[in-house]
Amino acid sequence: MKSNSKEKNAVFDGVMGISEVDSDKKQTFGLKIFPKTLQLVSKLYEDDNCRSRSEFIEKAIRFYCGYLLNRETSATEFIAPQLAVITEGIVKGSEQKLSRAIFKLAVEVGALTHMLAAINEVDDETLKKLRVMCIDEVKRINGIINFEKAVRYQRSDE
């Protein structure tokens, strides 16, 4: 006999609760678990900011129960928070990688700028024209700079 989605959600809300279960009313029961599974729990529970293996197992049970109870009509209520956490992790990782890459690029551009300034005597007016030309070019080519085209452009004035 199958129960409908509303009954399942009522069971979930009543037993598991959307709010936290009182920690002083926990029950003890026997649990048989494969040694490899227990090793995995022992290895991962601290990574999940759990204080104990029991807390980790309880979170895992709640997660799986939420999955089972919500895979029908209201799956978005279960999946949305998970997607938000995953997306946030991806964005933070990408942000850190991009920040490091931009920093390294800025260091290299700074070194090149100082080398060019040291070997070339460029007057202020030429420098202003060059900056305006570069801004226009970067806007026009959407930031995709081609060294060969720049060399050909510079040689065409000679």
Protein backbone atom coordinates (compact mmCIF):
# COMPACT_ATOMS: atom_id res chain seq x y z
CA MET A 1 0.00 0.00 0.00
CA LYS A 2 1.46 3.34 -1.09
CA SER A 3 1.01 6.53 0.90
CA ASN A 4 0.59 9.78 -0.92
CA SER A 5 3.05 12.67 -0.97
CA LYS A 6 1.19 14.72 1.68
CA GLU A 7 1.23 11.82 4.10
CA LYS A 8 4.95 11.27 3.50
CA ASN A 9 5.71 14.95 4.09
CA ALA A 10 3.60 14.92 7.25
CA VAL A 11 5.58 11.92 8.49
CA PHE A 12 8.83 13.71 7.65
CA ASP A 13 7.72 16.93 9.34
CA GLY A 14 6.44 15.07 12.38
CA VAL A 15 9.30 12.64 12.88
CA MET A 16 12.30 14.45 11.41
CA GLY A 17 10.94 17.97 11.60
CA ILE A 18 11.95 20.96 9.61
CA SER A 19 13.32 22.46 12.81
CA GLU A 20 16.06 20.74 14.78
CA VAL A 21 15.11 17.75 16.93
CA ASP A 22 15.73 18.26 20.66
CA SER A 23 19.23 16.92 21.31
CA ASP A 24 18.34 15.84 24.88
CA LYS A 25 15.65 13.44 23.61
CA LYS A 26 17.87 11.29 21.37
CA GLN A 27 17.34 7.56 21.41
CA THR A 28 19.94 4.83 21.29
CA PHE A 29 19.46 1.79 19.07
CA GLY A 30 21.59 -0.95 17.57
CA LEU A 31 23.13 -0.36 14.17
CA LYS A 32 24.87 -2.93 12.04
CA ILE A 33 27.22 -1.36 9.54
CA PHE A 34 29.96 -2.68 7.28
CA PRO A 35 33.50 -1.94 8.52
CA LYS A 36 34.42 -0.07 5.32
CA THR A 37 31.36 2.15 5.67
CA LEU A 38 32.26 2.93 9.27
CA GLN A 39 35.85 3.75 8.20
CA LEU A 40 34.45 6.14 5.61
CA VAL A 41 32.24 7.80 8.23
CA SER A 42 35.21 8.07 10.60
CA LYS A 43 37.27 9.67 7.86
CA LEU A 44 34.62 12.18 6.72
CA TYR A 45 32.59 13.26 9.74
CA GLU A 46 35.02 16.01 10.77
CA ASP A 47 35.18 17.34 7.20
CA ASP A 48 31.41 17.89 7.45
CA ASN A 49 31.85 19.86 10.70
CA CYS A 50 30.19 17.12 12.75
CA ARG A 51 31.18 16.58 16.37
CA SER A 52 30.69 12.81 16.20
CA ARG A 53 30.06 9.91 13.87
CA SER A 54 26.51 9.72 15.24
CA GLU A 55 25.84 13.31 14.19
CA PHE A 56 27.24 12.56 10.73
CA ILE A 57 25.09 9.44 10.36
CA GLU A 58 22.00 11.36 11.52
CA LYS A 59 22.67 14.09 8.94
CA ALA A 60 23.11 11.43 6.26
CA ILE A 61 19.82 9.76 7.24
CA ARG A 62 18.00 13.11 7.20
CA PHE A 63 19.48 13.92 3.81
CA TYR A 64 18.44 10.59 2.35
CA CYS A 65 14.96 10.77 3.92
CA GLY A 66 14.53 14.25 2.46
CA TYR A 67 15.54 12.90 -0.91
CA LEU A 68 13.09 10.00 -0.73
CA LEU A 69 10.19 12.08 0.55
CA ASN A 70 10.68 14.88 -1.95
CA ARG A 71 11.50 13.10 -5.16
CA GLU A 72 7.90 13.34 -6.26
CA THR A 73 6.18 16.71 -6.56
CA SER A 74 8.17 18.95 -4.25
CA ALA A 75 11.70 17.94 -5.23
CA THR A 76 12.71 21.56 -5.69
CA GLU A 77 12.32 22.21 -1.97
CA PHE A 78 14.91 19.52 -1.31
CA ILE A 79 17.21 20.13 -4.25
CA ALA A 80 17.32 23.96 -4.19
CA PRO A 81 19.41 24.28 -0.99
CA GLN A 82 21.77 21.57 -2.24
CA LEU A 83 22.23 23.34 -5.57
CA ALA A 84 22.85 26.63 -3.78
CA VAL A 85 25.63 25.08 -1.69
CA ILE A 86 27.21 23.39 -4.72
CA THR A 87 26.99 26.55 -6.83
CA GLU A 88 28.47 28.66 -4.04
CA GLY A 89 31.43 26.27 -3.78
CA ILE A 90 32.02 26.38 -7.53
CA VAL A 91 31.84 30.18 -7.62
CA LYS A 92 34.24 30.55 -4.66
CA GLY A 93 36.71 28.15 -6.25
CA SER A 94 36.52 29.96 -9.58
CA GLU A 95 36.84 33.33 -7.87
CA GLN A 96 40.02 32.25 -6.09
CA LYS A 97 41.55 30.83 -9.28
CA LEU A 98 40.68 33.96 -11.26
CA SER A 99 42.02 36.24 -8.52
CA ARG A 100 45.35 34.39 -8.48
CA ALA A 101 45.58 34.46 -12.28
CA ILE A 102 44.78 38.19 -12.44
CA PHE A 103 47.36 38.91 -9.74
CA LYS A 104 50.05 37.00 -11.66
CA LEU A 105 49.06 38.75 -14.87
CA ALA A 106 49.23 42.17 -13.17
CA VAL A 107 52.74 41.39 -11.89
CA GLU A 108 53.89 40.42 -15.40
CA VAL A 109 52.29 43.49 -16.99
CA GLY A 110 53.91 45.68 -14.34
CA ALA A 111 57.34 44.17 -15.07
CA LEU A 112 56.87 44.62 -18.83
CA THR A 113 55.70 48.20 -18.36
CA HIS A 114 58.75 49.11 -16.31
CA MET A 115 61.10 47.43 -18.80
CA LEU A 116 59.53 49.29 -21.72
CA ALA A 117 59.61 52.58 -19.85
CA ALA A 118 63.29 52.06 -19.06
CA ILE A 119 64.35 51.42 -22.67
CA ASN A 120 62.05 53.86 -24.49
CA GLU A 121 61.74 57.59 -24.17
CA VAL A 122 58.09 58.35 -24.85
CA ASP A 123 56.75 61.88 -24.47
CA ASP A 124 53.53 62.57 -22.57
CA GLU A 125 51.48 63.38 -25.69
CA THR A 126 52.43 60.10 -27.40
CA LEU A 127 51.67 58.21 -24.19
CA LYS A 128 48.17 59.77 -24.01
CA LYS A 129 47.47 58.91 -27.68
CA LEU A 130 48.72 55.36 -27.12
CA ARG A 131 46.44 54.91 -24.09
CA VAL A 132 43.38 56.18 -26.01
CA MET A 133 44.23 53.92 -28.96
CA CYS A 134 44.64 50.88 -26.67
CA ILE A 135 41.33 51.55 -24.89
CA ASP A 136 39.52 51.79 -28.23
CA GLU A 137 41.24 48.65 -29.53
CA VAL A 138 40.45 46.58 -26.43
CA LYS A 139 36.80 47.65 -26.62
CA ARG A 140 36.68 46.84 -30.34
CA ILE A 141 38.31 43.40 -30.05
CA ASN A 142 36.57 42.56 -26.75
CA GLY A 143 39.85 42.16 -24.87
CA ILE A 144 41.31 39.48 -27.14
CA ILE A 145 44.73 40.87 -27.96
CA ASN A 146 46.75 39.34 -30.79
CA PHE A 147 50.50 39.99 -30.58
CA GLU A 148 51.13 39.31 -34.29
CA LYS A 149 48.51 41.89 -35.32
CA ALA A 150 50.03 44.43 -32.93
CA VAL A 151 53.51 43.86 -34.42
CA ARG A 152 52.17 44.24 -37.99
CA TYR A 153 50.35 47.45 -36.95
CA GLN A 154 53.48 48.92 -35.40
CA ARG A 155 55.64 48.00 -38.42
CA SER A 156 53.14 49.54 -40.85
CA ASP A 157 54.02 53.06 -39.59
CA GLU A 158 57.70 52.63 -40.43
